[in-house]
N, C-alpha and C. Protein backbone atom coordinates (compact mmCIF):
# COMPACT_ATOMS: atom_id res chain seq x y z
N MET A 1 0.86 -1.17 0.00
CA MET A 1 0.00 0.00 0.00
C MET A 1 0.90 1.23 0.00
N THR A 2 0.58 2.15 -0.88
CA THR A 2 1.32 3.40 -0.95
C THR A 2 0.34 4.56 -0.91
N ILE A 3 0.66 5.51 -0.05
CA ILE A 3 -0.11 6.74 0.01
C ILE A 3 0.77 7.84 -0.57
N SER A 4 0.21 8.61 -1.48
CA SER A 4 0.97 9.65 -2.16
C SER A 4 0.23 10.98 -2.06
N TYR A 5 0.98 12.07 -2.02
CA TYR A 5 0.37 13.40 -1.99
C TYR A 5 -0.06 13.80 -3.39
N LYS A 6 -1.26 14.31 -3.49
CA LYS A 6 -1.79 14.77 -4.77
C LYS A 6 -1.37 16.21 -5.06
N ILE A 7 -1.02 16.94 -4.01
CA ILE A 7 -0.65 18.35 -4.14
C ILE A 7 0.64 18.60 -3.37
N ASP A 8 1.27 19.73 -3.65
CA ASP A 8 2.39 20.19 -2.83
C ASP A 8 1.76 20.89 -1.64
N VAL A 9 1.69 20.20 -0.51
CA VAL A 9 0.97 20.68 0.66
C VAL A 9 1.52 22.01 1.16
N LEU A 10 2.84 22.11 1.26
CA LEU A 10 3.44 23.34 1.78
C LEU A 10 3.18 24.53 0.85
N ALA A 11 3.22 24.30 -0.46
CA ALA A 11 2.93 25.37 -1.41
C ALA A 11 1.47 25.82 -1.29
N LYS A 12 0.58 24.86 -1.14
CA LYS A 12 -0.85 25.18 -1.00
C LYS A 12 -1.11 25.94 0.30
N LEU A 13 -0.46 25.52 1.39
CA LEU A 13 -0.60 26.24 2.65
C LEU A 13 -0.10 27.67 2.49
N LYS A 14 1.01 27.85 1.79
CA LYS A 14 1.57 29.19 1.59
C LYS A 14 0.59 30.06 0.79
N GLU A 15 -0.04 29.47 -0.24
CA GLU A 15 -1.05 30.20 -1.02
C GLU A 15 -2.19 30.70 -0.14
N CYS A 16 -2.48 29.93 0.91
CA CYS A 16 -3.58 30.27 1.82
C CYS A 16 -3.11 31.12 3.01
N GLY A 17 -1.88 31.61 2.93
CA GLY A 17 -1.38 32.51 3.97
C GLY A 17 -0.64 31.84 5.11
N TYR A 18 -0.33 30.56 4.97
CA TYR A 18 0.37 29.83 6.02
C TYR A 18 1.78 29.48 5.57
N SER A 19 2.69 30.44 5.67
CA SER A 19 4.09 30.18 5.33
C SER A 19 4.67 29.25 6.39
N THR A 20 5.79 28.63 6.07
CA THR A 20 6.42 27.75 7.06
C THR A 20 6.83 28.56 8.29
N TYR A 21 7.22 29.80 8.09
CA TYR A 21 7.56 30.66 9.23
C TYR A 21 6.34 30.82 10.14
N ARG A 22 5.20 31.15 9.56
CA ARG A 22 3.98 31.34 10.36
C ARG A 22 3.57 30.03 11.04
N ILE A 23 3.67 28.92 10.33
CA ILE A 23 3.29 27.62 10.88
C ILE A 23 4.15 27.30 12.10
N ARG A 24 5.46 27.56 11.99
CA ARG A 24 6.37 27.32 13.12
C ARG A 24 6.12 28.30 14.25
N LYS A 25 6.00 29.58 13.91
CA LYS A 25 5.82 30.62 14.92
C LYS A 25 4.54 30.42 15.73
N GLU A 26 3.46 30.07 15.06
CA GLU A 26 2.17 29.87 15.73
C GLU A 26 2.00 28.44 16.24
N ASN A 27 3.04 27.61 16.05
CA ASN A 27 3.04 26.22 16.51
C ASN A 27 1.81 25.45 16.02
N ILE A 28 1.51 25.63 14.74
CA ILE A 28 0.36 24.96 14.12
C ILE A 28 0.68 23.48 13.91
N ILE A 29 1.83 23.22 13.30
CA ILE A 29 2.36 21.86 13.19
C ILE A 29 3.85 21.94 13.47
N GLY A 30 4.44 20.82 13.88
CA GLY A 30 5.84 20.81 14.28
C GLY A 30 6.81 20.85 13.11
N GLN A 31 8.04 21.20 13.44
CA GLN A 31 9.10 21.28 12.43
C GLN A 31 9.33 19.93 11.77
N SER A 32 9.26 18.85 12.53
CA SER A 32 9.48 17.53 11.93
C SER A 32 8.41 17.21 10.89
N THR A 33 7.19 17.66 11.13
CA THR A 33 6.11 17.45 10.16
C THR A 33 6.36 18.29 8.92
N ILE A 34 6.81 19.51 9.09
CA ILE A 34 7.13 20.37 7.95
C ILE A 34 8.22 19.71 7.10
N THR A 35 9.23 19.16 7.77
CA THR A 35 10.32 18.48 7.06
C THR A 35 9.79 17.27 6.31
N ARG A 36 8.92 16.49 6.93
CA ARG A 36 8.34 15.31 6.27
C ARG A 36 7.52 15.72 5.05
N LEU A 37 6.73 16.78 5.18
CA LEU A 37 5.93 17.26 4.05
C LEU A 37 6.84 17.75 2.92
N ASN A 38 7.92 18.41 3.28
CA ASN A 38 8.86 18.91 2.28
C ASN A 38 9.50 17.78 1.49
N LYS A 39 9.64 16.61 2.13
CA LYS A 39 10.24 15.44 1.48
C LYS A 39 9.19 14.48 0.95
N SER A 40 7.91 14.89 0.96
CA SER A 40 6.79 14.07 0.50
C SER A 40 6.70 12.74 1.25
N LYS A 41 7.02 12.77 2.53
CA LYS A 41 6.89 11.58 3.37
C LYS A 41 5.57 11.64 4.12
N PRO A 42 5.05 10.49 4.53
CA PRO A 42 3.75 10.49 5.21
C PRO A 42 3.80 11.19 6.57
N VAL A 43 2.68 11.77 6.94
CA VAL A 43 2.52 12.40 8.25
C VAL A 43 1.30 11.77 8.93
N SER A 44 1.13 12.05 10.21
CA SER A 44 0.04 11.43 10.96
C SER A 44 -1.32 11.95 10.49
N TRP A 45 -2.35 11.19 10.83
CA TRP A 45 -3.71 11.61 10.49
C TRP A 45 -4.10 12.86 11.26
N ASP A 46 -3.52 13.03 12.45
CA ASP A 46 -3.78 14.27 13.20
C ASP A 46 -3.29 15.47 12.40
N ASN A 47 -2.11 15.34 11.80
CA ASN A 47 -1.58 16.44 10.99
C ASN A 47 -2.38 16.63 9.71
N ILE A 48 -2.80 15.53 9.10
CA ILE A 48 -3.66 15.65 7.91
C ILE A 48 -4.94 16.39 8.28
N SER A 49 -5.49 16.10 9.44
CA SER A 49 -6.70 16.78 9.92
C SER A 49 -6.47 18.28 10.06
N ILE A 50 -5.34 18.67 10.63
CA ILE A 50 -5.01 20.09 10.78
C ILE A 50 -4.87 20.75 9.41
N ILE A 51 -4.19 20.08 8.50
CA ILE A 51 -3.99 20.62 7.15
C ILE A 51 -5.33 20.78 6.45
N CYS A 52 -6.21 19.79 6.57
CA CYS A 52 -7.54 19.88 5.96
C CYS A 52 -8.32 21.07 6.52
N LYS A 53 -8.21 21.29 7.81
CA LYS A 53 -8.90 22.42 8.43
C LYS A 53 -8.36 23.74 7.88
N LEU A 54 -7.03 23.86 7.77
CA LEU A 54 -6.43 25.10 7.26
C LEU A 54 -6.78 25.35 5.80
N LEU A 55 -6.86 24.28 5.02
CA LEU A 55 -7.12 24.41 3.58
C LEU A 55 -8.61 24.27 3.23
N SER A 56 -9.44 24.01 4.23
CA SER A 56 -10.88 23.78 4.00
C SER A 56 -11.09 22.72 2.92
N CYS A 57 -10.50 21.54 3.15
CA CYS A 57 -10.61 20.46 2.17
C CYS A 57 -10.79 19.13 2.89
N GLN A 58 -10.87 18.07 2.12
CA GLN A 58 -11.01 16.71 2.61
C GLN A 58 -9.67 15.97 2.43
N PRO A 59 -9.39 14.93 3.23
CA PRO A 59 -8.14 14.18 3.07
C PRO A 59 -7.91 13.69 1.64
N GLY A 60 -8.97 13.31 0.95
CA GLY A 60 -8.84 12.84 -0.43
C GLY A 60 -8.39 13.92 -1.40
N ASP A 61 -8.49 15.18 -0.99
CA ASP A 61 -7.98 16.27 -1.81
C ASP A 61 -6.46 16.40 -1.68
N ILE A 62 -5.91 15.80 -0.63
CA ILE A 62 -4.48 15.92 -0.33
C ILE A 62 -3.71 14.66 -0.68
N VAL A 63 -4.27 13.50 -0.30
CA VAL A 63 -3.56 12.24 -0.51
C VAL A 63 -4.39 11.28 -1.34
N GLU A 64 -3.67 10.31 -1.94
CA GLU A 64 -4.35 9.27 -2.71
C GLU A 64 -3.69 7.93 -2.44
N PHE A 65 -4.47 6.89 -2.54
CA PHE A 65 -3.99 5.53 -2.39
C PHE A 65 -3.55 5.01 -3.74
N ILE A 66 -2.36 4.45 -3.79
CA ILE A 66 -1.86 3.85 -5.02
C ILE A 66 -1.72 2.36 -4.77
N PRO A 67 -2.55 1.55 -5.43
CA PRO A 67 -2.49 0.09 -5.20
C PRO A 67 -1.14 -0.48 -5.64
N GLU A 68 -0.72 -1.52 -4.93
CA GLU A 68 0.50 -2.20 -5.30
C GLU A 68 0.27 -2.99 -6.58
N GLU A 69 1.35 -3.23 -7.28
CA GLU A 69 1.24 -4.07 -8.48
C GLU A 69 0.83 -5.47 -8.03
N GLU A 70 0.07 -6.15 -8.87
CA GLU A 70 -0.45 -7.47 -8.50
C GLU A 70 0.67 -8.44 -8.14
N GLY A 71 1.78 -8.40 -8.82
CA GLY A 71 2.89 -9.32 -8.56
C GLY A 71 3.57 -9.04 -7.23
N ASN A 72 3.44 -7.81 -6.72
CA ASN A 72 4.10 -7.43 -5.48
C ASN A 72 3.15 -7.41 -4.29
N ALA A 73 1.91 -7.75 -4.49
CA ALA A 73 0.91 -7.65 -3.42
C ALA A 73 1.19 -8.58 -2.26
N ASP A 74 1.81 -9.72 -2.52
CA ASP A 74 2.05 -10.68 -1.44
C ASP A 74 3.37 -10.42 -0.72
N LYS A 75 4.21 -9.57 -1.24
CA LYS A 75 5.51 -9.29 -0.62
C LYS A 75 5.33 -8.34 0.54
N LYS A 76 6.07 -8.59 1.60
CA LYS A 76 6.05 -7.71 2.76
C LYS A 76 7.42 -7.07 2.88
N THR A 77 7.42 -5.79 3.27
CA THR A 77 8.71 -5.11 3.42
C THR A 77 9.11 -5.01 4.85
């Protein structure tokens, strides 16, 4: 199972007035989460919830599920 971002979350937050400086200063989300978003790595559902609230959107507007290839479905990492 792979979850992928459909949008550049930090860029979208910036468009809505939430620069990384403001996010850090107002302690909206932590620096480690900002770093993970910058590297397109997964973040917690709590953070997705905060992002959805700031962007007035649904989780499906931010992330998408990418099914594994059929040949790799039985492999565990």
